[in-house]
Amino acid sequence: MPRLRQAVLAARDLEATIERLRGDHGLGEPYRDPAVAYFGLANAVFAIGDTFLEVVSPVDPELAGTAIRQLERAGADVCGYMAMLQIDDLAAARERARTASVREVFEIELEDIAEVHLHPGDVRGAIVSLSVPRPAESWRWGGEGWAERAVPGGITAVTVAVADPDTVADRWATIAGGPALECHFVQDSSSPGIVEISLEIGSERRTIRPDAIS
């Protein structure tokens, strides 16, 4: 069964957003992955249980066009960016995506993870990453020693606003090989995208609304 492993926000001001998230939600020290410079981004990845909350921020306008456009469309300092789903069979999912005319915008095959990113205009609602970590409990993007940095809890849901939620939910599930129970879809054609991330920190439930972060 697919599961949401990482939710990603885009922010104009990375450091201010890190400070706000840590202050509001008691998150630990984030991992900063130098490899995201490939996309023209800087980032911070917070470990929450065995799930992850990432913030990316454009640093090279020539490479970071997707993040810049999403921030401009949202008209906000922070917006939803990507949902990263852990699945069992990447080859089968890629074939289903091709059959559905969903384009890949990035693919990588490493010793400990294989992954593709799907075009947000085709899959709808957000960039969707399909990932197969090896072993399944690992997560390269959390950085070395992420389990020691993790706060107790997890990401319990992302809410994705789209014009036609039933259609988009079915599209995500068809490609991923089943529904990711953490992904919820609501109707809103005025501001599509990831509009809410639900967390449990310890035993406390919390909500992050990207448009409320400044």
N, C-alpha and C. Protein backbone atom coordinates (compact mmCIF):
# COMPACT_ATOMS: atom_id res chain seq x y z
N MET A 1 0.84 -1.20 0.00
CA MET A 1 0.00 0.00 0.00
C MET A 1 0.88 1.25 0.00
N PRO A 2 0.69 2.19 -0.93
CA PRO A 2 1.46 3.43 -0.90
C PRO A 2 1.25 4.18 0.41
N ARG A 3 2.30 4.89 0.84
CA ARG A 3 2.17 5.73 2.03
C ARG A 3 2.90 7.04 1.79
N LEU A 4 2.41 8.08 2.42
CA LEU A 4 3.09 9.37 2.36
C LEU A 4 4.31 9.31 3.25
N ARG A 5 5.49 9.54 2.68
CA ARG A 5 6.71 9.48 3.48
C ARG A 5 7.26 10.89 3.74
N GLN A 6 7.02 11.82 2.80
CA GLN A 6 7.56 13.16 2.97
C GLN A 6 6.64 14.18 2.32
N ALA A 7 6.39 15.28 3.01
CA ALA A 7 5.62 16.40 2.47
C ALA A 7 6.57 17.58 2.32
N VAL A 8 6.42 18.33 1.23
CA VAL A 8 7.38 19.38 0.90
C VAL A 8 6.67 20.71 0.70
N LEU A 9 7.21 21.73 1.35
CA LEU A 9 6.78 23.11 1.19
C LEU A 9 7.83 23.88 0.40
N ALA A 10 7.40 24.91 -0.32
CA ALA A 10 8.32 25.87 -0.93
C ALA A 10 8.18 27.18 -0.19
N ALA A 11 9.32 27.86 0.04
CA ALA A 11 9.31 29.11 0.82
C ALA A 11 10.23 30.13 0.16
N ARG A 12 9.83 31.38 0.23
CA ARG A 12 10.69 32.45 -0.27
C ARG A 12 11.89 32.65 0.66
N ASP A 13 11.67 32.57 1.96
CA ASP A 13 12.71 32.80 2.95
C ASP A 13 12.90 31.52 3.75
N LEU A 14 13.93 30.76 3.41
CA LEU A 14 14.13 29.45 4.04
C LEU A 14 14.38 29.57 5.52
N GLU A 15 15.28 30.46 5.93
CA GLU A 15 15.66 30.52 7.34
C GLU A 15 14.50 30.98 8.22
N ALA A 16 13.72 31.94 7.74
CA ALA A 16 12.57 32.40 8.52
C ALA A 16 11.54 31.29 8.66
N THR A 17 11.36 30.51 7.61
CA THR A 17 10.38 29.42 7.66
C THR A 17 10.85 28.32 8.59
N ILE A 18 12.15 27.99 8.56
CA ILE A 18 12.70 27.01 9.49
C ILE A 18 12.46 27.45 10.93
N GLU A 19 12.76 28.71 11.22
CA GLU A 19 12.59 29.22 12.58
C GLU A 19 11.14 29.16 13.01
N ARG A 20 10.24 29.52 12.12
CA ARG A 20 8.81 29.51 12.46
C ARG A 20 8.32 28.07 12.73
N LEU A 21 8.70 27.14 11.88
CA LEU A 21 8.25 25.76 12.06
C LEU A 21 8.82 25.15 13.33
N ARG A 22 10.07 25.41 13.61
CA ARG A 22 10.67 24.86 14.84
C ARG A 22 10.04 25.49 16.07
N GLY A 23 9.81 26.80 16.02
CA GLY A 23 9.22 27.47 17.17
C GLY A 23 7.79 27.06 17.42
N ASP A 24 7.01 26.90 16.34
CA ASP A 24 5.60 26.56 16.49
C ASP A 24 5.35 25.09 16.81
N HIS A 25 6.24 24.21 16.32
CA HIS A 25 5.92 22.78 16.39
C HIS A 25 6.98 21.94 17.08
N GLY A 26 8.01 22.55 17.62
CA GLY A 26 9.00 21.80 18.39
C GLY A 26 9.78 20.80 17.57
N LEU A 27 10.04 21.12 16.29
CA LEU A 27 10.78 20.20 15.44
C LEU A 27 12.26 20.24 15.77
N GLY A 28 12.96 19.17 15.41
CA GLY A 28 14.38 19.07 15.71
C GLY A 28 15.25 19.78 14.69
N GLU A 29 16.54 19.52 14.78
CA GLU A 29 17.50 20.12 13.84
C GLU A 29 17.28 19.52 12.46
N PRO A 30 17.14 20.35 11.42
CA PRO A 30 16.91 19.80 10.09
C PRO A 30 18.19 19.39 9.40
N TYR A 31 18.04 18.50 8.44
CA TYR A 31 19.13 18.11 7.55
C TYR A 31 19.09 19.00 6.32
N ARG A 32 20.24 19.46 5.89
CA ARG A 32 20.34 20.28 4.68
C ARG A 32 21.09 19.47 3.63
N ASP A 33 20.42 19.22 2.54
CA ASP A 33 20.94 18.33 1.50
C ASP A 33 21.57 19.16 0.39
N PRO A 34 22.89 19.11 0.23
CA PRO A 34 23.52 19.90 -0.82
C PRO A 34 23.10 19.47 -2.22
N ALA A 35 22.59 18.25 -2.36
CA ALA A 35 22.24 17.75 -3.69
C ALA A 35 21.06 18.49 -4.31
N VAL A 36 20.24 19.18 -3.51
CA VAL A 36 19.10 19.90 -4.09
C VAL A 36 19.53 21.13 -4.87
N ALA A 37 20.81 21.49 -4.80
CA ALA A 37 21.33 22.56 -5.65
C ALA A 37 21.14 22.22 -7.13
N TYR A 38 21.04 20.93 -7.45
CA TYR A 38 20.76 20.49 -8.82
C TYR A 38 19.48 21.12 -9.35
N PHE A 39 18.50 21.35 -8.45
CA PHE A 39 17.22 21.95 -8.82
C PHE A 39 17.21 23.46 -8.62
N GLY A 40 18.35 24.04 -8.24
CA GLY A 40 18.39 25.47 -7.95
C GLY A 40 17.79 25.82 -6.60
N LEU A 41 17.81 24.87 -5.67
CA LEU A 41 17.15 25.04 -4.38
C LEU A 41 18.14 24.88 -3.23
N ALA A 42 17.78 25.43 -2.08
CA ALA A 42 18.34 25.07 -0.78
C ALA A 42 17.20 24.46 0.03
N ASN A 43 17.52 23.65 1.04
CA ASN A 43 16.42 22.98 1.74
C ASN A 43 16.73 22.74 3.20
N ALA A 44 15.70 22.26 3.89
CA ALA A 44 15.81 21.78 5.27
C ALA A 44 14.80 20.65 5.40
N VAL A 45 15.25 19.52 5.98
CA VAL A 45 14.38 18.35 6.11
C VAL A 45 14.28 17.98 7.59
N PHE A 46 13.06 18.04 8.12
CA PHE A 46 12.79 17.68 9.52
C PHE A 46 12.30 16.24 9.58
N ALA A 47 12.87 15.45 10.47
CA ALA A 47 12.41 14.08 10.70
C ALA A 47 11.36 14.08 11.81
N ILE A 48 10.20 13.48 11.52
CA ILE A 48 9.10 13.36 12.48
C ILE A 48 8.70 11.89 12.50
N GLY A 49 9.13 11.17 13.53
CA GLY A 49 9.00 9.72 13.48
C GLY A 49 9.81 9.21 12.30
N ASP A 50 9.18 8.40 11.43
CA ASP A 50 9.87 7.96 10.22
C ASP A 50 9.32 8.65 8.98
N THR A 51 8.68 9.83 9.18
CA THR A 51 8.21 10.66 8.08
C THR A 51 8.99 11.98 8.11
N PHE A 52 8.81 12.78 7.06
CA PHE A 52 9.68 13.94 6.90
C PHE A 52 8.91 15.13 6.36
N LEU A 53 9.27 16.30 6.87
CA LEU A 53 8.74 17.57 6.40
C LEU A 53 9.92 18.35 5.83
N GLU A 54 9.85 18.68 4.56
CA GLU A 54 10.93 19.40 3.89
C GLU A 54 10.46 20.79 3.50
N VAL A 55 11.36 21.75 3.59
CA VAL A 55 11.15 23.09 3.06
C VAL A 55 12.23 23.34 2.02
N VAL A 56 11.81 23.76 0.82
CA VAL A 56 12.77 24.11 -0.22
C VAL A 56 12.60 25.59 -0.55
N SER A 57 13.71 26.20 -0.98
CA SER A 57 13.67 27.63 -1.30
C SER A 57 14.55 27.89 -2.51
N PRO A 58 14.06 28.67 -3.48
CA PRO A 58 14.85 28.94 -4.68
C PRO A 58 16.10 29.76 -4.37
N VAL A 59 17.22 29.32 -4.92
CA VAL A 59 18.46 30.10 -4.81
C VAL A 59 19.06 30.38 -6.18
N ASP A 60 18.63 29.66 -7.21
CA ASP A 60 19.09 29.88 -8.57
C ASP A 60 17.86 29.98 -9.48
N PRO A 61 17.46 31.19 -9.86
CA PRO A 61 16.25 31.37 -10.65
C PRO A 61 16.25 30.60 -11.98
N GLU A 62 17.42 30.35 -12.54
CA GLU A 62 17.48 29.64 -13.81
C GLU A 62 17.11 28.16 -13.66
N LEU A 63 17.33 27.60 -12.49
CA LEU A 63 17.05 26.18 -12.26
C LEU A 63 15.79 25.94 -11.45
N ALA A 64 15.37 26.92 -10.66
CA ALA A 64 14.28 26.72 -9.69
C ALA A 64 12.95 27.25 -10.19
N GLY A 65 12.73 27.18 -11.50
CA GLY A 65 11.52 27.75 -12.07
C GLY A 65 10.24 27.18 -11.51
N THR A 66 10.22 25.86 -11.26
CA THR A 66 8.97 25.24 -10.77
C THR A 66 8.59 25.79 -9.41
N ALA A 67 9.54 25.87 -8.49
CA ALA A 67 9.24 26.40 -7.16
C ALA A 67 8.85 27.87 -7.23
N ILE A 68 9.53 28.64 -8.05
CA ILE A 68 9.22 30.06 -8.19
C ILE A 68 7.81 30.24 -8.73
N ARG A 69 7.44 29.46 -9.74
CA ARG A 69 6.09 29.58 -10.31
C ARG A 69 5.02 29.19 -9.30
N GLN A 70 5.28 28.14 -8.52
CA GLN A 70 4.27 27.74 -7.53
C GLN A 70 4.09 28.81 -6.46
N LEU A 71 5.16 29.44 -6.03
CA LEU A 71 5.05 30.53 -5.05
C LEU A 71 4.31 31.72 -5.66
N GLU A 72 4.59 32.03 -6.91
CA GLU A 72 3.91 33.14 -7.56
C GLU A 72 2.42 32.86 -7.72
N ARG A 73 2.08 31.64 -8.12
CA ARG A 73 0.66 31.29 -8.27
C ARG A 73 -0.06 31.36 -6.94
N ALA A 74 0.63 30.90 -5.87
CA ALA A 74 0.00 30.92 -4.55
C ALA A 74 -0.12 32.34 -4.00
N GLY A 75 0.73 33.24 -4.46
CA GLY A 75 0.72 34.61 -3.93
C GLY A 75 1.02 34.66 -2.46
N ALA A 76 1.94 33.77 -2.00
CA ALA A 76 2.23 33.66 -0.58
C ALA A 76 3.73 33.47 -0.39
N ASP A 77 4.17 33.64 0.87
CA ASP A 77 5.58 33.41 1.18
C ASP A 77 5.93 31.93 1.26
N VAL A 78 4.92 31.09 1.54
CA VAL A 78 5.10 29.65 1.65
C VAL A 78 3.94 28.97 0.96
N CYS A 79 4.21 27.88 0.25
CA CYS A 79 3.12 27.14 -0.39
C CYS A 79 3.45 25.65 -0.39
N GLY A 80 2.46 24.83 -0.66
CA GLY A 80 2.69 23.41 -0.84
C GLY A 80 3.46 23.16 -2.12
N TYR A 81 4.29 22.11 -2.13
CA TYR A 81 5.16 21.88 -3.28
C TYR A 81 5.10 20.45 -3.79
N MET A 82 5.30 19.46 -2.90
CA MET A 82 5.42 18.08 -3.37
C MET A 82 4.92 17.11 -2.30
N ALA A 83 4.34 16.00 -2.77
CA ALA A 83 4.02 14.86 -1.92
C ALA A 83 4.86 13.69 -2.37
N MET A 84 5.60 13.09 -1.45
CA MET A 84 6.51 12.00 -1.78
C MET A 84 5.94 10.70 -1.23
N LEU A 85 5.56 9.81 -2.13
CA LEU A 85 4.89 8.57 -1.76
C LEU A 85 5.87 7.40 -1.85
N GLN A 86 5.92 6.61 -0.82
CA GLN A 86 6.70 5.38 -0.84
C GLN A 86 5.83 4.26 -1.38
N ILE A 87 6.34 3.57 -2.41
CA ILE A 87 5.59 2.49 -3.04
C ILE A 87 6.46 1.24 -3.10
N ASP A 88 5.89 0.14 -3.59
CA ASP A 88 6.61 -1.14 -3.63
C ASP A 88 7.26 -1.42 -4.98
N ASP A 89 6.64 -0.99 -6.07
CA ASP A 89 7.09 -1.39 -7.41
C ASP A 89 7.15 -0.17 -8.30
N LEU A 90 8.35 0.37 -8.48
CA LEU A 90 8.48 1.60 -9.26
C LEU A 90 8.30 1.35 -10.76
N ALA A 91 8.80 0.25 -11.26
CA ALA A 91 8.67 -0.03 -12.69
C ALA A 91 7.20 -0.10 -13.10
N ALA A 92 6.38 -0.78 -12.29
CA ALA A 92 4.96 -0.88 -12.61
C ALA A 92 4.28 0.48 -12.54
N ALA A 93 4.66 1.29 -11.54
CA ALA A 93 4.07 2.62 -11.41
C ALA A 93 4.45 3.51 -12.59
N ARG A 94 5.69 3.41 -13.05
CA ARG A 94 6.11 4.22 -14.21
C ARG A 94 5.34 3.82 -15.46
N GLU A 95 5.07 2.54 -15.60
CA GLU A 95 4.29 2.10 -16.75
C GLU A 95 2.86 2.62 -16.66
N ARG A 96 2.28 2.61 -15.46
CA ARG A 96 0.92 3.15 -15.30
C ARG A 96 0.91 4.65 -15.60
N ALA A 97 1.96 5.36 -15.18
CA ALA A 97 2.04 6.79 -15.47
C ALA A 97 2.13 7.03 -16.97
N ARG A 98 2.94 6.25 -17.68
CA ARG A 98 3.04 6.40 -19.13
C ARG A 98 1.70 6.14 -19.80
N THR A 99 1.00 5.11 -19.34
CA THR A 99 -0.31 4.79 -19.91
C THR A 99 -1.29 5.94 -19.71
N ALA A 100 -1.17 6.63 -18.58
CA ALA A 100 -2.06 7.76 -18.28
C ALA A 100 -1.55 9.08 -18.85
N SER A 101 -0.49 9.04 -19.65
CA SER A 101 0.10 10.23 -20.28
C SER A 101 0.60 11.23 -19.23
N VAL A 102 1.14 10.70 -18.14
CA VAL A 102 1.74 11.54 -17.09
C VAL A 102 3.25 11.57 -17.31
N ARG A 103 3.79 12.77 -17.49
CA ARG A 103 5.21 12.92 -17.77
C ARG A 103 6.05 12.82 -16.50
N GLU A 104 7.25 12.29 -16.65
CA GLU A 104 8.25 12.32 -15.60
C GLU A 104 9.11 13.57 -15.78
N VAL A 105 9.41 14.25 -14.66
CA VAL A 105 10.27 15.43 -14.74
C VAL A 105 11.64 15.17 -14.13
N PHE A 106 11.79 14.03 -13.44
CA PHE A 106 13.08 13.69 -12.83
C PHE A 106 13.05 12.22 -12.47
N GLU A 107 14.19 11.56 -12.63
CA GLU A 107 14.30 10.17 -12.19
C GLU A 107 15.71 9.94 -11.69
N ILE A 108 15.81 9.07 -10.69
CA ILE A 108 17.12 8.75 -10.12
C ILE A 108 17.11 7.32 -9.63
N GLU A 109 18.24 6.64 -9.82
CA GLU A 109 18.42 5.27 -9.35
C GLU A 109 19.73 5.23 -8.60
N LEU A 110 19.66 5.05 -7.28
CA LEU A 110 20.83 4.96 -6.43
C LEU A 110 20.82 3.62 -5.71
N GLU A 111 21.89 3.34 -5.02
CA GLU A 111 22.00 2.05 -4.33
C GLU A 111 20.89 1.87 -3.30
N ASP A 112 20.49 2.97 -2.64
CA ASP A 112 19.54 2.85 -1.53
C ASP A 112 18.16 3.44 -1.82
N ILE A 113 17.93 3.96 -3.03
CA ILE A 113 16.60 4.46 -3.37
C ILE A 113 16.48 4.62 -4.88
N ALA A 114 15.28 4.35 -5.39
CA ALA A 114 14.92 4.65 -6.77
C ALA A 114 13.68 5.53 -6.73
N GLU A 115 13.62 6.51 -7.65
CA GLU A 115 12.56 7.52 -7.50
C GLU A 115 12.30 8.21 -8.83
N VAL A 116 11.04 8.61 -9.04
CA VAL A 116 10.67 9.49 -10.13
C VAL A 116 9.79 10.60 -9.58
N HIS A 117 9.87 11.77 -10.23
CA HIS A 117 8.96 12.87 -9.95
C HIS A 117 8.03 13.04 -11.14
N LEU A 118 6.75 13.23 -10.87
CA LEU A 118 5.75 13.34 -11.92
C LEU A 118 5.30 14.78 -12.10
N HIS A 119 5.04 15.13 -13.33
CA HIS A 119 4.70 16.51 -13.69
C HIS A 119 3.40 16.94 -13.00
N PRO A 120 3.43 18.06 -12.28
CA PRO A 120 2.21 18.48 -11.54
C PRO A 120 1.04 18.82 -12.45
N GLY A 121 1.34 19.27 -13.68
CA GLY A 121 0.25 19.57 -14.60
C GLY A 121 -0.47 18.34 -15.10
N ASP A 122 0.21 17.17 -15.03
CA ASP A 122 -0.40 15.93 -15.49
C ASP A 122 -1.05 15.15 -14.35
N VAL A 123 -0.33 15.05 -13.22
CA VAL A 123 -0.87 14.27 -12.10
C VAL A 123 -1.86 15.08 -11.29
N ARG A 124 -1.69 16.41 -11.29
CA ARG A 124 -2.60 17.39 -10.72
C ARG A 124 -2.44 17.53 -9.21
N GLY A 125 -2.55 18.77 -8.75
CA GLY A 125 -2.57 19.07 -7.33
C GLY A 125 -1.21 19.38 -6.73
N ALA A 126 -0.16 18.70 -7.18
CA ALA A 126 1.20 18.90 -6.65
C ALA A 126 2.15 18.08 -7.49
N ILE A 127 3.45 18.34 -7.35
CA ILE A 127 4.42 17.37 -7.84
C ILE A 127 4.26 16.12 -6.98
N VAL A 128 4.26 14.97 -7.62
CA VAL A 128 4.19 13.70 -6.89
C VAL A 128 5.48 12.94 -7.15
N SER A 129 6.13 12.54 -6.08
CA SER A 129 7.31 11.69 -6.15
C SER A 129 6.91 10.27 -5.78
N LEU A 130 7.39 9.31 -6.56
CA LEU A 130 7.19 7.89 -6.25
C LEU A 130 8.55 7.31 -5.91
N SER A 131 8.68 6.75 -4.72
CA SER A 131 9.98 6.35 -4.20
C SER A 131 9.96 4.91 -3.70
N VAL A 132 11.06 4.21 -3.97
CA VAL A 132 11.27 2.86 -3.42
C VAL A 132 12.60 2.87 -2.68
N PRO A 133 12.58 3.12 -1.36
CA PRO A 133 13.83 3.08 -0.59
C PRO A 133 14.24 1.64 -0.32
N ARG A 134 15.55 1.43 -0.24
CA ARG A 134 16.08 0.09 0.02
C ARG A 134 17.12 0.19 1.14
N PRO A 135 16.83 -0.42 2.33
CA PRO A 135 15.61 -1.16 2.69
C PRO A 135 14.42 -0.22 2.88
N ALA A 136 13.23 -0.80 3.01
CA ALA A 136 12.01 -0.01 3.01
C ALA A 136 11.94 0.99 4.16
N GLU A 137 12.58 0.66 5.30
CA GLU A 137 12.50 1.57 6.45
C GLU A 137 13.50 2.71 6.36
N SER A 138 14.40 2.67 5.38
CA SER A 138 15.39 3.73 5.23
C SER A 138 14.78 4.93 4.51
N TRP A 139 15.51 6.06 4.52
CA TRP A 139 15.06 7.24 3.77
C TRP A 139 16.25 8.17 3.55
N ARG A 140 16.85 8.03 2.39
CA ARG A 140 18.08 8.76 2.06
C ARG A 140 17.93 10.27 2.26
N TRP A 141 16.76 10.79 1.90
CA TRP A 141 16.57 12.25 1.89
C TRP A 141 16.50 12.85 3.29
N GLY A 142 16.41 12.00 4.32
CA GLY A 142 16.45 12.51 5.68
C GLY A 142 17.85 12.79 6.19
N GLY A 143 18.86 12.33 5.45
CA GLY A 143 20.24 12.54 5.86
C GLY A 143 20.71 11.48 6.83
N GLU A 144 22.01 11.35 6.93
CA GLU A 144 22.59 10.37 7.83
C GLU A 144 22.19 10.66 9.28
N GLY A 145 21.80 9.62 10.00
CA GLY A 145 21.42 9.77 11.41
C GLY A 145 20.08 10.43 11.63
N TRP A 146 19.19 10.36 10.64
CA TRP A 146 17.90 11.04 10.81
C TRP A 146 17.09 10.49 11.98
N ALA A 147 17.22 9.21 12.27
CA ALA A 147 16.44 8.64 13.37
C ALA A 147 16.79 9.27 14.71
N GLU A 148 18.06 9.68 14.87
CA GLU A 148 18.48 10.32 16.12
C GLU A 148 17.96 11.76 16.21
N ARG A 149 17.72 12.39 15.07
CA ARG A 149 17.22 13.77 15.06
C ARG A 149 15.70 13.85 15.10
N ALA A 150 15.03 12.73 14.89
CA ALA A 150 13.58 12.75 14.75
C ALA A 150 12.89 13.07 16.07
N VAL A 151 11.84 13.88 15.99
CA VAL A 151 10.95 14.05 17.13
C VAL A 151 9.88 12.97 17.05
N PRO A 152 9.30 12.55 18.18
CA PRO A 152 8.28 11.50 18.15
C PRO A 152 7.03 11.98 17.40
N GLY A 153 6.43 11.08 16.63
CA GLY A 153 5.20 11.42 15.94
C GLY A 153 5.25 11.06 14.47
N GLY A 154 4.62 11.87 13.65
CA GLY A 154 4.60 11.61 12.21
C GLY A 154 3.67 12.56 11.49
N ILE A 155 3.83 12.62 10.17
CA ILE A 155 2.87 13.33 9.33
C ILE A 155 1.69 12.40 9.11
N THR A 156 0.51 12.84 9.48
CA THR A 156 -0.67 11.98 9.41
C THR A 156 -1.52 12.24 8.17
N ALA A 157 -1.38 13.42 7.54
CA ALA A 157 -2.19 13.70 6.35
C ALA A 157 -1.67 14.93 5.63
N VAL A 158 -1.88 14.96 4.32
CA VAL A 158 -1.80 16.20 3.56
C VAL A 158 -3.16 16.39 2.88
N THR A 159 -3.59 17.63 2.84
CA THR A 159 -4.84 17.98 2.17
C THR A 159 -4.50 18.72 0.89
N VAL A 160 -5.01 18.20 -0.23
CA VAL A 160 -4.70 18.75 -1.54
C VAL A 160 -5.98 19.34 -2.13
N ALA A 161 -5.94 20.62 -2.45
CA ALA A 161 -7.09 21.29 -3.05
C ALA A 161 -6.99 21.24 -4.57
N VAL A 162 -8.06 20.79 -5.21
CA VAL A 162 -8.12 20.70 -6.67
C VAL A 162 -9.57 20.96 -7.10
N ALA A 163 -9.75 21.21 -8.39
CA ALA A 163 -11.10 21.49 -8.88
C ALA A 163 -11.98 20.24 -8.86
N ASP A 164 -11.37 19.07 -9.10
CA ASP A 164 -12.15 17.82 -9.20
C ASP A 164 -11.50 16.75 -8.32
N PRO A 165 -11.76 16.80 -7.01
CA PRO A 165 -11.03 15.93 -6.07
C PRO A 165 -11.19 14.44 -6.33
N ASP A 166 -12.35 13.98 -6.71
CA ASP A 166 -12.53 12.54 -6.92
C ASP A 166 -11.68 12.05 -8.09
N THR A 167 -11.63 12.84 -9.16
CA THR A 167 -10.85 12.47 -10.32
C THR A 167 -9.36 12.43 -10.00
N VAL A 168 -8.90 13.44 -9.28
CA VAL A 168 -7.47 13.52 -8.96
C VAL A 168 -7.08 12.43 -7.97
N ALA A 169 -7.93 12.18 -6.97
CA ALA A 169 -7.64 11.09 -6.02
C ALA A 169 -7.50 9.77 -6.75
N ASP A 170 -8.38 9.52 -7.70
CA ASP A 170 -8.32 8.28 -8.46
C ASP A 170 -7.05 8.23 -9.33
N ARG A 171 -6.65 9.37 -9.86
CA ARG A 171 -5.45 9.41 -10.71
C ARG A 171 -4.20 9.09 -9.89
N TRP A 172 -4.08 9.71 -8.72
CA TRP A 172 -2.93 9.42 -7.85
C TRP A 172 -2.91 7.94 -7.48
N ALA A 173 -4.06 7.42 -7.08
CA ALA A 173 -4.13 6.03 -6.62
C ALA A 173 -3.83 5.05 -7.75
N THR A 174 -4.34 5.33 -8.94
CA THR A 174 -4.11 4.45 -10.08
C THR A 174 -2.63 4.35 -10.39
N ILE A 175 -1.94 5.48 -10.41
CA ILE A 175 -0.52 5.49 -10.75
C ILE A 175 0.32 4.86 -9.64
N ALA A 176 0.01 5.20 -8.39
CA ALA A 176 0.82 4.71 -7.26
C ALA A 176 0.57 3.24 -6.94
N GLY A 177 -0.52 2.68 -7.45
CA GLY A 177 -0.82 1.28 -7.17
C GLY A 177 -1.75 1.10 -5.98
N GLY A 178 -2.47 2.16 -5.64
CA GLY A 178 -3.42 2.14 -4.53
C GLY A 178 -3.45 3.50 -3.88
N PRO A 179 -4.46 3.77 -3.07
CA PRO A 179 -4.54 5.08 -2.42
C PRO A 179 -3.56 5.20 -1.26
N ALA A 180 -2.90 6.34 -1.17
CA ALA A 180 -2.14 6.66 0.04
C ALA A 180 -3.13 7.27 1.02
N LEU A 181 -3.38 6.57 2.11
CA LEU A 181 -4.46 6.96 3.01
C LEU A 181 -4.23 8.33 3.64
N GLU A 182 -2.98 8.79 3.64
CA GLU A 182 -2.67 10.10 4.23
C GLU A 182 -3.00 11.26 3.29
N CYS A 183 -3.32 10.98 2.03
CA CYS A 183 -3.58 12.04 1.05
C CYS A 183 -5.08 12.27 0.92
N HIS A 184 -5.52 13.45 1.32
CA HIS A 184 -6.92 13.82 1.27
C HIS A 184 -7.11 14.92 0.22
N PHE A 185 -8.24 14.89 -0.48
CA PHE A 185 -8.47 15.82 -1.58
C PHE A 185 -9.77 16.58 -1.33
N VAL A 186 -9.72 17.90 -1.51
CA VAL A 186 -10.88 18.75 -1.31
C VAL A 186 -11.07 19.63 -2.54
N GLN A 187 -12.28 20.12 -2.71
CA GLN A 187 -12.58 20.93 -3.89
C GLN A 187 -12.25 22.40 -3.64
N ASP A 188 -11.41 22.94 -4.50
CA ASP A 188 -11.09 24.37 -4.47
C ASP A 188 -10.33 24.68 -5.75
N SER A 189 -10.99 25.35 -6.68
CA SER A 189 -10.34 25.67 -7.95
C SER A 189 -9.60 26.99 -7.91
N SER A 190 -9.79 27.77 -6.83
CA SER A 190 -9.17 29.10 -6.77
C SER A 190 -7.72 29.03 -6.33
N SER A 191 -7.36 28.10 -5.45
CA SER A 191 -5.98 28.00 -4.97
C SER A 191 -5.59 26.54 -4.84
N PRO A 192 -5.38 25.85 -5.99
CA PRO A 192 -5.04 24.42 -5.95
C PRO A 192 -3.66 24.18 -5.36
N GLY A 193 -3.49 22.98 -4.81
CA GLY A 193 -2.21 22.59 -4.25
C GLY A 193 -2.36 22.02 -2.86
N ILE A 194 -1.22 21.72 -2.22
CA ILE A 194 -1.23 21.23 -0.84
C ILE A 194 -1.54 22.41 0.07
N VAL A 195 -2.68 22.35 0.73
CA VAL A 195 -3.13 23.49 1.53
C VAL A 195 -3.05 23.23 3.03
N GLU A 196 -2.77 21.98 3.42
CA GLU A 196 -2.70 21.68 4.84
C GLU A 196 -1.88 20.41 5.05
N ILE A 197 -1.07 20.42 6.11
CA ILE A 197 -0.31 19.24 6.52
C ILE A 197 -0.65 18.97 7.98
N SER A 198 -1.10 17.77 8.26
CA SER A 198 -1.47 17.38 9.62
C SER A 198 -0.35 16.55 10.23
N LEU A 199 -0.01 16.87 11.48
CA LEU A 199 1.07 16.21 12.18
C LEU A 199 0.60 15.68 13.52
N GLU A 200 1.32 14.70 14.03
CA GLU A 200 1.28 14.38 15.44
C GLU A 200 2.70 14.54 15.97
N ILE A 201 2.86 15.40 16.96
CA ILE A 201 4.15 15.57 17.62
C ILE A 201 3.96 15.02 19.03
N GLY A 202 4.59 13.87 19.32
CA GLY A 202 4.26 13.17 20.54
C GLY A 202 2.82 12.72 20.44
N SER A 203 2.01 13.11 21.38
CA SER A 203 0.58 12.76 21.35
C SER A 203 -0.29 13.95 20.97
N GLU A 204 0.33 15.05 20.54
CA GLU A 204 -0.41 16.28 20.24
C GLU A 204 -0.61 16.43 18.74
N ARG A 205 -1.84 16.69 18.36
CA ARG A 205 -2.15 16.90 16.94
C ARG A 205 -1.91 18.36 16.57
N ARG A 206 -1.29 18.56 15.42
CA ARG A 206 -0.97 19.91 14.95
C ARG A 206 -1.28 20.03 13.48
N THR A 207 -1.48 21.26 13.02
CA THR A 207 -1.79 21.52 11.63
C THR A 207 -0.90 22.63 11.10
N ILE A 208 -0.34 22.42 9.91
CA ILE A 208 0.43 23.44 9.22
C ILE A 208 -0.36 23.87 8.00
N ARG A 209 -0.69 25.16 7.94
CA ARG A 209 -1.28 25.74 6.73
C ARG A 209 -0.23 26.61 6.07
N PRO A 210 0.26 26.22 4.91
CA PRO A 210 1.35 26.98 4.29
C PRO A 210 1.06 28.47 4.14
N ASP A 211 -0.17 28.82 3.78
CA ASP A 211 -0.46 30.24 3.55
C ASP A 211 -0.50 31.06 4.83
N ALA A 212 -0.44 30.39 5.99
CA ALA A 212 -0.44 31.11 7.27
C ALA A 212 0.97 31.29 7.82
N ILE A 213 1.98 30.73 7.12
CA ILE A 213 3.36 30.88 7.56
C ILE A 213 3.96 32.12 6.91
N SER A 214 4.56 32.97 7.70
CA SER A 214 5.21 34.16 7.13
C SER A 214 6.47 34.47 7.93
